[in-house]
Amino acid sequence: MEWFGHRNMPVGIAILDTGVAQVDDLQGRIVAAVDFVNGRNYPYDNNAHGTQVRSR
């Protein structure tokens, strides 16, 4: 699924949650990750909630 917004340009989406794991359908699609609690700068999800919420 690809979403398009104003002038038919791709839409970027930000998810603020417990994190997101690098699962198969997200490989190469996560462009940035920020951990405001533990200070990590790579995608991970130690609670599995964010990964479950973003699933198709």
N, C-alpha and C. Protein backbone atom coordinates (compact mmCIF):
# COMPACT_ATOMS: atom_id res chain seq x y z
N MET A 1 0.84 -1.16 0.00
CA MET A 1 0.00 0.00 0.00
C MET A 1 0.90 1.24 0.00
N GLU A 2 0.65 2.12 -0.88
CA GLU A 2 1.39 3.38 -0.92
C GLU A 2 0.39 4.51 -0.86
N TRP A 3 0.65 5.47 -0.01
CA TRP A 3 -0.24 6.61 0.15
C TRP A 3 0.35 7.81 -0.53
N PHE A 4 -0.49 8.61 -1.15
CA PHE A 4 -0.04 9.83 -1.79
C PHE A 4 -0.84 11.00 -1.25
N GLY A 5 -0.18 12.11 -1.10
CA GLY A 5 -0.82 13.30 -0.54
C GLY A 5 -0.90 14.41 -1.55
N HIS A 6 -0.63 15.60 -1.10
CA HIS A 6 -0.71 16.81 -1.91
C HIS A 6 0.13 16.68 -3.18
N ARG A 7 -0.46 16.98 -4.29
CA ARG A 7 0.22 16.95 -5.60
C ARG A 7 0.77 15.57 -5.94
N ASN A 8 0.12 14.54 -5.43
CA ASN A 8 0.48 13.16 -5.73
C ASN A 8 1.90 12.79 -5.28
N MET A 9 2.39 13.44 -4.23
CA MET A 9 3.71 13.14 -3.68
C MET A 9 3.58 12.09 -2.58
N PRO A 10 4.57 11.19 -2.41
CA PRO A 10 4.51 10.20 -1.33
C PRO A 10 4.41 10.88 0.03
N VAL A 11 3.74 10.22 0.95
CA VAL A 11 3.53 10.75 2.30
C VAL A 11 4.45 10.02 3.27
N GLY A 12 5.19 10.77 4.10
CA GLY A 12 6.00 10.19 5.15
C GLY A 12 5.17 10.06 6.42
N ILE A 13 5.41 9.01 7.20
CA ILE A 13 4.65 8.77 8.41
C ILE A 13 5.62 8.59 9.57
N ALA A 14 5.30 9.22 10.70
CA ALA A 14 6.08 9.05 11.93
C ALA A 14 5.23 8.31 12.95
N ILE A 15 5.84 7.35 13.64
CA ILE A 15 5.14 6.60 14.68
C ILE A 15 5.87 6.84 15.99
N LEU A 16 5.15 7.37 16.97
CA LEU A 16 5.69 7.54 18.31
C LEU A 16 5.05 6.49 19.20
N ASP A 17 5.83 5.49 19.57
CA ASP A 17 5.31 4.38 20.35
C ASP A 17 6.48 3.73 21.07
N THR A 18 6.33 2.46 21.46
CA THR A 18 7.39 1.77 22.18
C THR A 18 8.58 1.44 21.31
N GLY A 19 8.44 1.57 20.02
CA GLY A 19 9.51 1.27 19.08
C GLY A 19 8.96 0.47 17.92
N VAL A 20 9.84 0.04 17.05
CA VAL A 20 9.44 -0.81 15.94
C VAL A 20 10.63 -1.70 15.58
N ALA A 21 10.36 -2.98 15.46
CA ALA A 21 11.42 -3.94 15.13
C ALA A 21 11.60 -4.00 13.62
N GLN A 22 12.79 -4.38 13.17
CA GLN A 22 13.09 -4.54 11.75
C GLN A 22 12.51 -5.86 11.27
N VAL A 23 11.22 -5.89 11.02
CA VAL A 23 10.57 -7.10 10.50
C VAL A 23 10.63 -7.07 8.98
N ASP A 24 10.34 -8.21 8.35
CA ASP A 24 10.52 -8.37 6.91
C ASP A 24 9.87 -7.28 6.06
N ASP A 25 8.61 -6.93 6.35
CA ASP A 25 7.93 -5.96 5.49
C ASP A 25 8.39 -4.52 5.70
N LEU A 26 9.28 -4.29 6.67
CA LEU A 26 9.81 -2.94 6.88
C LEU A 26 11.27 -2.80 6.45
N GLN A 27 11.90 -3.87 5.98
CA GLN A 27 13.30 -3.81 5.59
C GLN A 27 13.50 -2.70 4.55
N GLY A 28 14.39 -1.77 4.84
CA GLY A 28 14.71 -0.68 3.93
C GLY A 28 13.71 0.46 3.95
N ARG A 29 12.69 0.40 4.81
CA ARG A 29 11.67 1.44 4.84
C ARG A 29 11.77 2.35 6.06
N ILE A 30 12.50 1.94 7.09
CA ILE A 30 12.68 2.78 8.27
C ILE A 30 13.86 3.70 7.99
N VAL A 31 13.61 4.99 7.96
CA VAL A 31 14.67 5.93 7.59
C VAL A 31 15.34 6.57 8.79
N ALA A 32 14.73 6.50 9.97
CA ALA A 32 15.33 7.07 11.18
C ALA A 32 14.68 6.45 12.40
N ALA A 33 15.42 6.41 13.48
CA ALA A 33 14.89 5.93 14.75
C ALA A 33 15.52 6.74 15.87
N VAL A 34 14.72 7.14 16.84
CA VAL A 34 15.19 7.89 18.00
C VAL A 34 14.55 7.28 19.24
N ASP A 35 15.37 6.96 20.23
CA ASP A 35 14.88 6.41 21.49
C ASP A 35 15.02 7.49 22.55
N PHE A 36 13.92 8.06 22.98
CA PHE A 36 13.94 9.15 23.95
C PHE A 36 14.15 8.65 25.38
N VAL A 37 14.07 7.34 25.62
CA VAL A 37 14.24 6.79 26.96
C VAL A 37 15.65 6.25 27.17
N ASN A 38 16.11 5.40 26.25
CA ASN A 38 17.41 4.74 26.42
C ASN A 38 18.53 5.33 25.56
N GLY A 39 18.21 6.28 24.70
CA GLY A 39 19.23 6.97 23.91
C GLY A 39 19.78 6.19 22.73
N ARG A 40 19.13 5.13 22.31
CA ARG A 40 19.61 4.37 21.15
C ARG A 40 19.18 5.06 19.86
N ASN A 41 19.92 4.85 18.79
CA ASN A 41 19.59 5.49 17.50
C ASN A 41 19.39 4.45 16.39
N TYR A 42 18.88 3.30 16.75
CA TYR A 42 18.57 2.26 15.77
C TYR A 42 17.19 1.69 16.12
N PRO A 43 16.48 1.16 15.14
CA PRO A 43 15.12 0.66 15.39
C PRO A 43 15.11 -0.64 16.19
N TYR A 44 14.32 -0.66 17.24
CA TYR A 44 14.08 -1.86 18.04
C TYR A 44 12.79 -1.63 18.82
N ASP A 45 12.23 -2.67 19.38
CA ASP A 45 11.00 -2.56 20.15
C ASP A 45 11.06 -3.54 21.31
N ASN A 46 11.40 -3.06 22.48
CA ASN A 46 11.54 -3.95 23.63
C ASN A 46 10.21 -4.26 24.31
N ASN A 47 9.10 -3.69 23.82
CA ASN A 47 7.78 -4.00 24.36
C ASN A 47 6.87 -4.67 23.33
N ALA A 48 7.24 -4.66 22.08
CA ALA A 48 6.50 -5.26 20.96
C ALA A 48 5.19 -4.54 20.63
N HIS A 49 4.85 -3.49 21.35
CA HIS A 49 3.59 -2.79 21.07
C HIS A 49 3.66 -2.00 19.77
N GLY A 50 4.69 -1.20 19.58
CA GLY A 50 4.81 -0.41 18.36
C GLY A 50 4.87 -1.26 17.10
N THR A 51 5.59 -2.38 17.18
CA THR A 51 5.68 -3.27 16.02
C THR A 51 4.31 -3.86 15.69
N GLN A 52 3.54 -4.23 16.71
CA GLN A 52 2.21 -4.79 16.49
C GLN A 52 1.27 -3.73 15.92
N VAL A 53 1.31 -2.50 16.40
CA VAL A 53 0.41 -1.44 15.95
C VAL A 53 0.66 -1.09 14.49
N ARG A 54 1.88 -1.08 14.02
CA ARG A 54 2.19 -0.68 12.65
C ARG A 54 1.94 -1.79 11.65
N SER A 55 1.67 -2.99 12.11
CA SER A 55 1.46 -4.11 11.19
C SER A 55 0.26 -3.90 10.29
N ARG A 56 0.34 -4.47 9.09
CA ARG A 56 -0.76 -4.37 8.12
C ARG A 56 -1.84 -5.37 8.45
